[in-house]
Amino acid sequence: MEKIEDILKLVTGNLTWEEKEKVLSRIEGREENIEIFQKLKTAWAILSSSKKLNDYEVENAFVKIQGRISGKKKGRMPQIIKILKYAAAIFFLLSLTTIYYLNKLTISRF
């Protein structure tokens, strides 16, 4: 299979003429590469024709398409969830410690 990054660069027009010819020659004759190329070309056409996107949105779309094809999830949500889990655990421990300390102070006063 041709590198997905190379096919994406071909579809988005980020290759020189020589690189374009090289990638196209590697795609030809390989059914899997042809299928990926056609899907990416269609997706890119839909994205670029539906509305004008700024550079950030284009790059974000590029990363999403690349992630869907490679099967890897590249997002910040799993990192945020992981951080929130640790924050919740720390908050819980601090709450328990505070409750214990306040309880101990209340009992010692009587």
PDB file of N, CA and C in Angstrom:
ATOM      1  N   MET A   1       0.842  -1.175   0.000  1.00  0.00           N
ATOM      2  CA  MET A   1       0.000   0.000   0.000  1.00  0.00           C
ATOM      3  C   MET A   1       0.890   1.242   0.000  1.00  0.00           C
ATOM      4  N   GLU A   2       0.544   2.150  -0.835  1.00  0.00           N
ATOM      5  CA  GLU A   2       1.246   3.433  -0.903  1.00  0.00           C
ATOM      6  C   GLU A   2       1.066   4.167   0.418  1.00  0.00           C
ATOM      7  N   LYS A   3       2.059   4.938   0.802  1.00  0.00           N
ATOM      8  CA  LYS A   3       1.921   5.716   2.024  1.00  0.00           C
ATOM      9  C   LYS A   3       0.700   6.611   1.925  1.00  0.00           C
ATOM     10  N   ILE A   4      -0.130   6.558   2.944  1.00  0.00           N
ATOM     11  CA  ILE A   4      -1.349   7.363   2.959  1.00  0.00           C
ATOM     12  C   ILE A   4      -0.998   8.843   2.930  1.00  0.00           C
ATOM     13  N   GLU A   5       0.085   9.209   3.617  1.00  0.00           N
ATOM     14  CA  GLU A   5       0.493  10.614   3.632  1.00  0.00           C
ATOM     15  C   GLU A   5       0.779  11.116   2.220  1.00  0.00           C
ATOM     16  N   ASP A   6       1.429  10.271   1.413  1.00  0.00           N
ATOM     17  CA  ASP A   6       1.740  10.661   0.032  1.00  0.00           C
ATOM     18  C   ASP A   6       0.467  10.823  -0.797  1.00  0.00           C
ATOM     19  N   ILE A   7      -0.490   9.925  -0.591  1.00  0.00           N
ATOM     20  CA  ILE A   7      -1.755  10.015  -1.330  1.00  0.00           C
ATOM     21  C   ILE A   7      -2.511  11.270  -0.906  1.00  0.00           C
ATOM     22  N   LEU A   8      -2.512  11.555   0.398  1.00  0.00           N
ATOM     23  CA  LEU A   8      -3.171  12.768   0.876  1.00  0.00           C
ATOM     24  C   LEU A   8      -2.519  14.022   0.305  1.00  0.00           C
ATOM     25  N   LYS A   9      -1.198  14.028   0.259  1.00  0.00           N
ATOM     26  CA  LYS A   9      -0.492  15.175  -0.312  1.00  0.00           C
ATOM     27  C   LYS A   9      -0.814  15.316  -1.792  1.00  0.00           C
ATOM     28  N   LEU A  10      -0.964  14.196  -2.480  1.00  0.00           N
ATOM     29  CA  LEU A  10      -1.322  14.229  -3.891  1.00  0.00           C
ATOM     30  C   LEU A  10      -2.716  14.835  -4.073  1.00  0.00           C
ATOM     31  N   VAL A  11      -3.661  14.384  -3.267  1.00  0.00           N
ATOM     32  CA  VAL A  11      -5.042  14.866  -3.376  1.00  0.00           C
ATOM     33  C   VAL A  11      -5.129  16.352  -3.053  1.00  0.00           C
ATOM     34  N   THR A  12      -4.391  16.786  -2.033  1.00  0.00           N
ATOM     35  CA  THR A  12      -4.467  18.184  -1.614  1.00  0.00           C
ATOM     36  C   THR A  12      -3.576  19.104  -2.443  1.00  0.00           C
ATOM     37  N   GLY A  13      -2.772  18.515  -3.328  1.00  0.00           N
ATOM     38  CA  GLY A  13      -1.922  19.328  -4.195  1.00  0.00           C
ATOM     39  C   GLY A  13      -0.655  19.811  -3.529  1.00  0.00           C
ATOM     40  N   ASN A  14      -0.156  19.068  -2.579  1.00  0.00           N
ATOM     41  CA  ASN A  14       1.048  19.463  -1.853  1.00  0.00           C
ATOM     42  C   ASN A  14       2.285  18.690  -2.298  1.00  0.00           C
ATOM     43  N   LEU A  15       2.344  18.336  -3.571  1.00  0.00           N
ATOM     44  CA  LEU A  15       3.499  17.630  -4.122  1.00  0.00           C
ATOM     45  C   LEU A  15       4.043  18.386  -5.327  1.00  0.00           C
ATOM     46  N   THR A  16       5.329  18.234  -5.558  1.00  0.00           N
ATOM     47  CA  THR A  16       5.908  18.787  -6.774  1.00  0.00           C
ATOM     48  C   THR A  16       5.497  17.902  -7.946  1.00  0.00           C
ATOM     49  N   TRP A  17       5.746  18.377  -9.145  1.00  0.00           N
ATOM     50  CA  TRP A  17       5.366  17.618 -10.331  1.00  0.00           C
ATOM     51  C   TRP A  17       6.039  16.253 -10.356  1.00  0.00           C
ATOM     52  N   GLU A  18       7.318  16.184 -10.002  1.00  0.00           N
ATOM     53  CA  GLU A  18       8.054  14.915 -10.005  1.00  0.00           C
ATOM     54  C   GLU A  18       7.505  13.952  -8.956  1.00  0.00           C
ATOM     55  N   GLU A  19       7.229  14.488  -7.756  1.00  0.00           N
ATOM     56  CA  GLU A  19       6.673  13.649  -6.692  1.00  0.00           C
ATOM     57  C   GLU A  19       5.286  13.152  -7.077  1.00  0.00           C
ATOM     58  N   LYS A  20       4.507  14.013  -7.723  1.00  0.00           N
ATOM     59  CA  LYS A  20       3.163  13.645  -8.164  1.00  0.00           C
ATOM     60  C   LYS A  20       3.219  12.476  -9.142  1.00  0.00           C
ATOM     61  N   GLU A  21       4.111  12.557 -10.115  1.00  0.00           N
ATOM     62  CA  GLU A  21       4.243  11.462 -11.092  1.00  0.00           C
ATOM     63  C   GLU A  21       4.676  10.172 -10.420  1.00  0.00           C
ATOM     64  N   LYS A  22       5.585  10.281  -9.455  1.00  0.00           N
ATOM     65  CA  LYS A  22       6.079   9.100  -8.750  1.00  0.00           C
ATOM     66  C   LYS A  22       4.952   8.421  -7.961  1.00  0.00           C
ATOM     67  N   VAL A  23       4.178   9.214  -7.247  1.00  0.00           N
ATOM     68  CA  VAL A  23       3.077   8.664  -6.441  1.00  0.00           C
ATOM     69  C   VAL A  23       2.002   8.061  -7.350  1.00  0.00           C
ATOM     70  N   LEU A  24       1.668   8.767  -8.426  1.00  0.00           N
ATOM     71  CA  LEU A  24       0.662   8.237  -9.360  1.00  0.00           C
ATOM     72  C   LEU A  24       1.107   6.914  -9.971  1.00  0.00           C
ATOM     73  N   SER A  25       2.382   6.800 -10.303  1.00  0.00           N
ATOM     74  CA  SER A  25       2.870   5.542 -10.888  1.00  0.00           C
ATOM     75  C   SER A  25       2.808   4.403  -9.878  1.00  0.00           C
ATOM     76  N   ARG A  26       3.013   4.710  -8.592  1.00  0.00           N
ATOM     77  CA  ARG A  26       2.914   3.669  -7.561  1.00  0.00           C
ATOM     78  C   ARG A  26       1.468   3.294  -7.264  1.00  0.00           C
ATOM     79  N   ILE A  27       0.548   4.240  -7.467  1.00  0.00           N
ATOM     80  CA  ILE A  27      -0.873   3.962  -7.213  1.00  0.00           C
ATOM     81  C   ILE A  27      -1.447   3.068  -8.305  1.00  0.00           C
ATOM     82  N   GLU A  28      -1.067   3.323  -9.537  1.00  0.00           N
ATOM     83  CA  GLU A  28      -1.628   2.580 -10.675  1.00  0.00           C
ATOM     84  C   GLU A  28      -1.348   1.082 -10.526  1.00  0.00           C
ATOM     85  N   GLY A  29      -2.361   0.305 -10.781  1.00  0.00           N
ATOM     86  CA  GLY A  29      -2.216  -1.146 -10.757  1.00  0.00           C
ATOM     87  C   GLY A  29      -2.452  -1.772  -9.389  1.00  0.00           C
ATOM     88  N   ARG A  30      -2.548  -1.000  -8.372  1.00  0.00           N
ATOM     89  CA  ARG A  30      -2.810  -1.532  -7.034  1.00  0.00           C
ATOM     90  C   ARG A  30      -4.228  -1.133  -6.631  1.00  0.00           C
ATOM     91  N   GLU A  31      -5.074  -2.116  -6.578  1.00  0.00           N
ATOM     92  CA  GLU A  31      -6.504  -1.878  -6.343  1.00  0.00           C
ATOM     93  C   GLU A  31      -6.757  -1.140  -5.028  1.00  0.00           C
ATOM     94  N   GLU A  32      -6.048  -1.528  -3.979  1.00  0.00           N
ATOM     95  CA  GLU A  32      -6.237  -0.895  -2.674  1.00  0.00           C
ATOM     96  C   GLU A  32      -5.846   0.587  -2.724  1.00  0.00           C
ATOM     97  N   ASN A  33      -4.741   0.888  -3.381  1.00  0.00           N
ATOM     98  CA  ASN A  33      -4.293   2.280  -3.501  1.00  0.00           C
ATOM     99  C   ASN A  33      -5.254   3.103  -4.353  1.00  0.00           C
ATOM    100  N   ILE A  34      -5.767   2.521  -5.397  1.00  0.00           N
ATOM    101  CA  ILE A  34      -6.720   3.220  -6.259  1.00  0.00           C
ATOM    102  C   ILE A  34      -7.987   3.553  -5.469  1.00  0.00           C
ATOM    103  N   GLU A  35      -8.452   2.596  -4.672  1.00  0.00           N
ATOM    104  CA  GLU A  35      -9.659   2.811  -3.867  1.00  0.00           C
ATOM    105  C   GLU A  35      -9.440   3.926  -2.843  1.00  0.00           C
ATOM    106  N   ILE A  36      -8.296   3.909  -2.161  1.00  0.00           N
ATOM    107  CA  ILE A  36      -7.981   4.952  -1.182  1.00  0.00           C
ATOM    108  C   ILE A  36      -7.892   6.303  -1.878  1.00  0.00           C
ATOM    109  N   PHE A  37      -7.233   6.340  -3.013  1.00  0.00           N
ATOM    110  CA  PHE A  37      -7.079   7.583  -3.760  1.00  0.00           C
ATOM    111  C   PHE A  37      -8.441   8.151  -4.151  1.00  0.00           C
ATOM    112  N   GLN A  38      -9.333   7.296  -4.660  1.00  0.00           N
ATOM    113  CA  GLN A  38     -10.654   7.768  -5.085  1.00  0.00           C
ATOM    114  C   GLN A  38     -11.481   8.273  -3.897  1.00  0.00           C
ATOM    115  N   LYS A  39     -11.414   7.581  -2.765  1.00  0.00           N
ATOM    116  CA  LYS A  39     -12.158   8.015  -1.580  1.00  0.00           C
ATOM    117  C   LYS A  39     -11.629   9.351  -1.071  1.00  0.00           C
ATOM    118  N   LEU A  40     -10.318   9.490  -1.031  1.00  0.00           N
ATOM    119  CA  LEU A  40      -9.727  10.743  -0.570  1.00  0.00           C
ATOM    120  C   LEU A  40     -10.043  11.894  -1.519  1.00  0.00           C
ATOM    121  N   LYS A  41      -9.992  11.605  -2.796  1.00  0.00           N
ATOM    122  CA  LYS A  41     -10.275  12.636  -3.791  1.00  0.00           C
ATOM    123  C   LYS A  41     -11.727  13.118  -3.652  1.00  0.00           C
ATOM    124  N   THR A  42     -12.632  12.182  -3.465  1.00  0.00           N
ATOM    125  CA  THR A  42     -14.043  12.530  -3.286  1.00  0.00           C
ATOM    126  C   THR A  42     -14.250  13.328  -2.004  1.00  0.00           C
ATOM    127  N   ALA A  43     -13.658  12.858  -0.914  1.00  0.00           N
ATOM    128  CA  ALA A  43     -13.792  13.555   0.373  1.00  0.00           C
ATOM    129  C   ALA A  43     -13.213  14.964   0.286  1.00  0.00           C
ATOM    130  N   TRP A  44     -12.082  15.095  -0.355  1.00  0.00           N
ATOM    131  CA  TRP A  44     -11.449  16.406  -0.484  1.00  0.00           C
ATOM    132  C   TRP A  44     -12.292  17.342  -1.348  1.00  0.00           C
ATOM    133  N   ALA A  45     -12.884  16.804  -2.402  1.00  0.00           N
ATOM    134  CA  ALA A  45     -13.734  17.621  -3.267  1.00  0.00           C
ATOM    135  C   ALA A  45     -14.962  18.120  -2.511  1.00  0.00           C
ATOM    136  N   ILE A  46     -15.544  17.247  -1.713  1.00  0.00           N
ATOM    137  CA  ILE A  46     -16.718  17.647  -0.928  1.00  0.00           C
ATOM    138  C   ILE A  46     -16.339  18.710   0.096  1.00  0.00           C
ATOM    139  N   LEU A  47     -15.229  18.498   0.786  1.00  0.00           N
ATOM    140  CA  LEU A  47     -14.797  19.462   1.795  1.00  0.00           C
ATOM    141  C   LEU A  47     -14.455  20.818   1.187  1.00  0.00           C
ATOM    142  N   SER A  48     -13.792  20.797   0.072  1.00  0.00           N
ATOM    143  CA  SER A  48     -13.346  22.067  -0.496  1.00  0.00           C
ATOM    144  C   SER A  48     -14.460  22.796  -1.237  1.00  0.00           C
ATOM    145  N   SER A  49     -15.478  22.085  -1.696  1.00  0.00           N
ATOM    146  CA  SER A  49     -16.539  22.752  -2.440  1.00  0.00           C
ATOM    147  C   SER A  49     -17.697  23.204  -1.560  1.00  0.00           C
ATOM    148  N   SER A  50     -17.854  22.578  -0.383  1.00  0.00           N
ATOM    149  CA  SER A  50     -19.005  22.906   0.452  1.00  0.00           C
ATOM    150  C   SER A  50     -18.917  24.302   1.051  1.00  0.00           C
ATOM    151  N   LYS A  51     -17.747  24.717   1.438  1.00  0.00           N
ATOM    152  CA  LYS A  51     -17.568  26.073   1.947  1.00  0.00           C
ATOM    153  C   LYS A  51     -16.085  26.396   1.937  1.00  0.00           C
ATOM    154  N   LYS A  52     -15.788  27.637   1.952  1.00  0.00           N
ATOM    155  CA  LYS A  52     -14.393  28.053   1.980  1.00  0.00           C
ATOM    156  C   LYS A  52     -13.868  27.902   3.401  1.00  0.00           C
ATOM    157  N   LEU A  53     -12.764  27.213   3.540  1.00  0.00           N
ATOM    158  CA  LEU A  53     -12.184  26.956   4.849  1.00  0.00           C
ATOM    159  C   LEU A  53     -10.884  27.738   4.998  1.00  0.00           C
ATOM    160  N   ASN A  54     -10.607  28.156   6.228  1.00  0.00           N
ATOM    161  CA  ASN A  54      -9.315  28.781   6.456  1.00  0.00           C
ATOM    162  C   ASN A  54      -8.256  27.694   6.597  1.00  0.00           C
ATOM    163  N   ASP A  55      -7.006  28.092   6.695  1.00  0.00           N
ATOM    164  CA  ASP A  55      -5.905  27.122   6.718  1.00  0.00           C
ATOM    165  C   ASP A  55      -6.007  26.156   7.892  1.00  0.00           C
ATOM    166  N   TYR A  56      -6.441  26.663   9.050  1.00  0.00           N
ATOM    167  CA  TYR A  56      -6.571  25.795  10.216  1.00  0.00           C
ATOM    168  C   TYR A  56      -7.612  24.703   9.963  1.00  0.00           C
ATOM    169  N   GLU A  57      -8.745  25.066   9.405  1.00  0.00           N
ATOM    170  CA  GLU A  57      -9.813  24.094   9.143  1.00  0.00           C
ATOM    171  C   GLU A  57      -9.383  23.068   8.100  1.00  0.00           C
ATOM    172  N   VAL A  58      -8.635  23.510   7.098  1.00  0.00           N
ATOM    173  CA  VAL A  58      -8.136  22.590   6.072  1.00  0.00           C
ATOM    174  C   VAL A  58      -7.176  21.587   6.707  1.00  0.00           C
ATOM    175  N   GLU A  59      -6.263  22.078   7.546  1.00  0.00           N
ATOM    176  CA  GLU A  59      -5.308  21.196   8.214  1.00  0.00           C
ATOM    177  C   GLU A  59      -6.032  20.233   9.148  1.00  0.00           C
ATOM    178  N   ASN A  60      -7.038  20.718   9.851  1.00  0.00           N
ATOM    179  CA  ASN A  60      -7.818  19.875  10.749  1.00  0.00           C
ATOM    180  C   ASN A  60      -8.550  18.779   9.963  1.00  0.00           C
ATOM    181  N   ALA A  61      -9.128  19.135   8.833  1.00  0.00           N
ATOM    182  CA  ALA A  61      -9.805  18.155   7.989  1.00  0.00           C
ATOM    183  C   ALA A  61      -8.816  17.120   7.479  1.00  0.00           C
ATOM    184  N   PHE A  62      -7.636  17.576   7.102  1.00  0.00           N
ATOM    185  CA  PHE A  62      -6.581  16.689   6.623  1.00  0.00           C
ATOM    186  C   PHE A  62      -6.216  15.663   7.694  1.00  0.00           C
ATOM    187  N   VAL A  63      -6.045  16.123   8.920  1.00  0.00           N
ATOM    188  CA  VAL A  63      -5.690  15.238  10.031  1.00  0.00           C
ATOM    189  C   VAL A  63      -6.820  14.251  10.322  1.00  0.00           C
ATOM    190  N   LYS A  64      -8.073  14.716  10.273  1.00  0.00           N
ATOM    191  CA  LYS A  64      -9.215  13.827  10.513  1.00  0.00           C
ATOM    192  C   LYS A  64      -9.290  12.728   9.459  1.00  0.00           C
ATOM    193  N   ILE A  65      -9.130  13.113   8.203  1.00  0.00           N
ATOM    194  CA  ILE A  65      -9.180  12.121   7.125  1.00  0.00           C
ATOM    195  C   ILE A  65      -8.048  11.128   7.287  1.00  0.00           C
ATOM    196  N   GLN A  66      -6.863  11.634   7.592  1.00  0.00           N
ATOM    197  CA  GLN A  66      -5.713  10.759   7.782  1.00  0.00           C
ATOM    198  C   GLN A  66      -5.958   9.794   8.942  1.00  0.00           C
ATOM    199  N   GLY A  67      -6.542  10.288  10.020  1.00  0.00           N
ATOM    200  CA  GLY A  67      -6.821   9.435  11.168  1.00  0.00           C
ATOM    201  C   GLY A  67      -7.859   8.372  10.870  1.00  0.00           C
ATOM    202  N   ARG A  68      -8.877   8.732  10.101  1.00  0.00           N
ATOM    203  CA  ARG A  68      -9.917   7.758   9.749  1.00  0.00           C
ATOM    204  C   ARG A  68      -9.357   6.651   8.874  1.00  0.00           C
ATOM    205  N   ILE A  69      -8.479   7.007   7.971  1.00  0.00           N
ATOM    206  CA  ILE A  69      -7.916   6.000   7.076  1.00  0.00           C
ATOM    207  C   ILE A  69      -6.950   5.090   7.823  1.00  0.00           C
ATOM    208  N   SER A  70      -6.097   5.675   8.644  1.00  0.00           N
ATOM    209  CA  SER A  70      -5.108   4.868   9.346  1.00  0.00           C
ATOM    210  C   SER A  70      -5.704   4.134  10.541  1.00  0.00           C
ATOM    211  N   GLY A  71      -6.903   4.538  10.962  1.00  0.00           N
ATOM    212  CA  GLY A  71      -7.553   3.881  12.084  1.00  0.00           C
ATOM    213  C   GLY A  71      -7.087   4.396  13.425  1.00  0.00           C
ATOM    214  N   LYS A  72      -6.211   5.379  13.418  1.00  0.00           N
ATOM    215  CA  LYS A  72      -5.718   5.942  14.664  1.00  0.00           C
ATOM    216  C   LYS A  72      -6.559   7.145  15.031  1.00  0.00           C
ATOM    217  N   LYS A  73      -6.836   7.260  16.311  1.00  0.00           N
ATOM    218  CA  LYS A  73      -7.586   8.412  16.779  1.00  0.00           C
ATOM    219  C   LYS A  73      -6.597   9.444  17.273  1.00  0.00           C
ATOM    220  N   LYS A  74      -6.603  10.567  16.600  1.00  0.00           N
ATOM    221  CA  LYS A  74      -5.706  11.647  16.978  1.00  0.00           C
ATOM    222  C   LYS A  74      -6.557  12.795  17.454  1.00  0.00           C
ATOM    223  N   GLY A  75      -6.780  12.826  18.706  1.00  0.00           N
ATOM    224  CA  GLY A  75      -7.609  13.882  19.245  1.00  0.00           C
ATOM    225  C   GLY A  75      -7.183  14.227  20.650  1.00  0.00           C
ATOM    226  N   ARG A  76      -7.700  15.283  21.136  1.00  0.00           N
ATOM    227  CA  ARG A  76      -7.353  15.731  22.461  1.00  0.00           C
ATOM    228  C   ARG A  76      -8.315  15.184  23.499  1.00  0.00           C
ATOM    229  N   MET A  77      -9.442  14.652  23.060  1.00  0.00           N
ATOM    230  CA  MET A  77     -10.448  14.207  24.013  1.00  0.00           C
ATOM    231  C   MET A  77      -9.921  13.102  24.935  1.00  0.00           C
ATOM    232  N   PRO A  78      -9.253  12.070  24.449  1.00  0.00           N
ATOM    233  CA  PRO A  78      -8.743  11.047  25.371  1.00  0.00           C
ATOM    234  C   PRO A  78      -7.753  11.627  26.386  1.00  0.00           C
ATOM    235  N   GLN A  79      -6.947  12.596  25.973  1.00  0.00           N
ATOM    236  CA  GLN A  79      -6.003  13.215  26.903  1.00  0.00           C
ATOM    237  C   GLN A  79      -6.744  14.010  27.964  1.00  0.00           C
ATOM    238  N   ILE A  80      -7.764  14.731  27.563  1.00  0.00           N
ATOM    239  CA  ILE A  80      -8.544  15.527  28.508  1.00  0.00           C
ATOM    240  C   ILE A  80      -9.251  14.622  29.509  1.00  0.00           C
ATOM    241  N   ILE A  81      -9.809  13.523  29.027  1.00  0.00           N
ATOM    242  CA  ILE A  81     -10.503  12.579  29.909  1.00  0.00           C
ATOM    243  C   ILE A  81      -9.525  11.998  30.924  1.00  0.00           C
ATOM    244  N   LYS A  82      -8.332  11.673  30.474  1.00  0.00           N
ATOM    245  CA  LYS A  82      -7.321  11.117  31.368  1.00  0.00           C
ATOM    246  C   LYS A  82      -6.949  12.136  32.447  1.00  0.00           C
ATOM    247  N   ILE A  83      -6.764  13.379  32.054  1.00  0.00           N
ATOM    248  CA  ILE A  83      -6.418  14.433  33.012  1.00  0.00           C
ATOM    249  C   ILE A  83      -7.563  14.640  34.011  1.00  0.00           C
ATOM    250  N   LEU A  84      -8.797  14.628  33.499  1.00  0.00           N
ATOM    251  CA  LEU A  84      -9.948  14.805  34.384  1.00  0.00           C
ATOM    252  C   LEU A  84     -10.086  13.668  35.390  1.00  0.00           C
ATOM    253  N   LYS A  85      -9.735  12.460  35.000  1.00  0.00           N
ATOM    254  CA  LYS A  85      -9.779  11.329  35.933  1.00  0.00           C
ATOM    255  C   LYS A  85      -8.812  11.546  37.085  1.00  0.00           C
ATOM    256  N   TYR A  86      -7.590  11.985  36.752  1.00  0.00           N
ATOM    257  CA  TYR A  86      -6.609  12.247  37.802  1.00  0.00           C
ATOM    258  C   TYR A  86      -7.054  13.410  38.690  1.00  0.00           C
ATOM    259  N   ALA A  87      -7.608  14.438  38.090  1.00  0.00           N
ATOM    260  CA  ALA A  87      -8.082  15.586  38.862  1.00  0.00           C
ATOM    261  C   ALA A  87      -9.201  15.165  39.821  1.00  0.00           C
ATOM    262  N   ALA A  88     -10.102  14.321  39.350  1.00  0.00           N
ATOM    263  CA  ALA A  88     -11.194  13.845  40.198  1.00  0.00           C
ATOM    264  C   ALA A  88     -10.655  13.005  41.362  1.00  0.00           C
ATOM    265  N   ALA A  89      -9.673  12.179  41.088  1.00  0.00           N
ATOM    266  CA  ALA A  89      -9.091  11.351  42.148  1.00  0.00           C
ATOM    267  C   ALA A  89      -8.403  12.218  43.198  1.00  0.00           C
ATOM    268  N   ILE A  90      -7.664  13.223  42.748  1.00  0.00           N
ATOM    269  CA  ILE A  90      -6.988  14.125  43.685  1.00  0.00           C
ATOM    270  C   ILE A  90      -8.014  14.905  44.498  1.00  0.00           C
ATOM    271  N   PHE A  91      -9.042  15.392  43.839  1.00  0.00           N
ATOM    272  CA  PHE A  91     -10.104  16.132  44.537  1.00  0.00           C
ATOM    273  C   PHE A  91     -10.772  15.250  45.589  1.00  0.00           C
ATOM    274  N   PHE A  92     -11.035  14.009  45.242  1.00  0.00           N
ATOM    275  CA  PHE A  92     -11.672  13.077  46.174  1.00  0.00           C
ATOM    276  C   PHE A  92     -10.781  12.854  47.394  1.00  0.00           C
ATOM    277  N   LEU A  93      -9.489  12.641  47.173  1.00  0.00           N
ATOM    278  CA  LEU A  93      -8.579  12.419  48.297  1.00  0.00           C
ATOM    279  C   LEU A  93      -8.455  13.661  49.179  1.00  0.00           C
ATOM    280  N   LEU A  94      -8.384  14.816  48.559  1.00  0.00           N
ATOM    281  CA  LEU A  94      -8.320  16.053  49.341  1.00  0.00           C
ATOM    282  C   LEU A  94      -9.605  16.271  50.141  1.00  0.00           C
ATOM    283  N   SER A  95     -10.732  15.949  49.566  1.00  0.00           N
ATOM    284  CA  SER A  95     -12.011  16.081  50.267  1.00  0.00           C
ATOM    285  C   SER A  95     -12.062  15.156  51.476  1.00  0.00           C
ATOM    286  N   LEU A  96     -11.654  13.918  51.286  1.00  0.00           N
ATOM    287  CA  LEU A  96     -11.646  12.976  52.406  1.00  0.00           C
ATOM    288  C   LEU A  96     -10.712  13.439  53.514  1.00  0.00           C
ATOM    289  N   THR A  97      -9.540  13.933  53.139  1.00  0.00           N
ATOM    290  CA  THR A  97      -8.586  14.418  54.131  1.00  0.00           C
ATOM    291  C   THR A  97      -9.147  15.604  54.892  1.00  0.00           C
ATOM    292  N   THR A  98      -9.780  16.522  54.178  1.00  0.00           N
ATOM    293  CA  THR A  98     -10.371  17.701  54.820  1.00  0.00           C
ATOM    294  C   THR A  98     -11.493  17.301  55.766  1.00  0.00           C
ATOM    295  N   ILE A  99     -12.354  16.419  55.337  1.00  0.00           N
ATOM    296  CA  ILE A  99     -13.458  15.954  56.193  1.00  0.00           C
ATOM    297  C   ILE A  99     -12.915  15.278  57.442  1.00  0.00           C
ATOM    298  N   TYR A 100     -11.913  14.433  57.274  1.00  0.00           N
ATOM    299  CA  TYR A 100     -11.308  13.754  58.421  1.00  0.00           C
ATOM    300  C   TYR A 100     -10.706  14.764  59.391  1.00  0.00           C
ATOM    301  N   TYR A 101      -9.949  15.722  58.863  1.00  0.00           N
ATOM    302  CA  TYR A 101      -9.314  16.733  59.707  1.00  0.00           C
ATOM    303  C   TYR A 101     -10.350  17.583  60.453  1.00  0.00           C
ATOM    304  N   LEU A 102     -11.393  18.015  59.748  1.00  0.00           N
ATOM    305  CA  LEU A 102     -12.440  18.822  60.386  1.00  0.00           C
ATOM    306  C   LEU A 102     -13.190  18.020  61.443  1.00  0.00           C
ATOM    307  N   ASN A 103     -13.416  16.757  61.172  1.00  0.00           N
ATOM    308  CA  ASN A 103     -14.077  15.874  62.137  1.00  0.00           C
ATOM    309  C   ASN A 103     -13.231  15.710  63.388  1.00  0.00           C
ATOM    310  N   LYS A 104     -11.941  15.554  63.176  1.00  0.00           N
ATOM    311  CA  LYS A 104     -11.020  15.378  64.292  1.00  0.00           C
ATOM    312  C   LYS A 104     -10.971  16.645  65.154  1.00  0.00           C
ATOM    313  N   LEU A 105     -10.994  17.821  64.512  1.00  0.00           N
ATOM    314  CA  LEU A 105     -11.008  19.077  65.266  1.00  0.00           C
ATOM    315  C   LEU A 105     -12.294  19.230  66.072  1.00  0.00           C
ATOM    316  N   THR A 106     -13.414  18.865  65.484  1.00  0.00           N
ATOM    317  CA  THR A 106     -14.705  18.969  66.151  1.00  0.00           C
ATOM    318  C   THR A 106     -14.762  18.038  67.364  1.00  0.00           C
ATOM    319  N   ILE A 107     -14.279  16.845  67.212  1.00  0.00           N
ATOM    320  CA  ILE A 107     -14.295  15.858  68.316  1.00  0.00           C
ATOM    321  C   ILE A 107     -13.350  16.291  69.423  1.00  0.00           C
ATOM    322  N   SER A 108     -12.201  16.837  69.077  1.00  0.00           N
ATOM    323  CA  SER A 108     -11.224  17.228  70.108  1.00  0.00           C
ATOM    324  C   SER A 108     -11.678  18.444  70.910  1.00  0.00           C
ATOM    325  N   ARG A 109     -12.578  19.238  70.390  1.00  0.00           N
ATOM    326  CA  ARG A 109     -13.089  20.409  71.108  1.00  0.00           C
ATOM    327  C   ARG A 109     -14.043  20.000  72.225  1.00  0.00           C
ATOM    328  N   PHE A 110     -14.685  18.887  72.095  1.00  0.00           N
ATOM    329  CA  PHE A 110     -15.670  18.459  73.096  1.00  0.00           C
ATOM    330  C   PHE A 110     -15.014  17.620  74.099  1.00  0.00           C
TER     331      PHE A 110
END
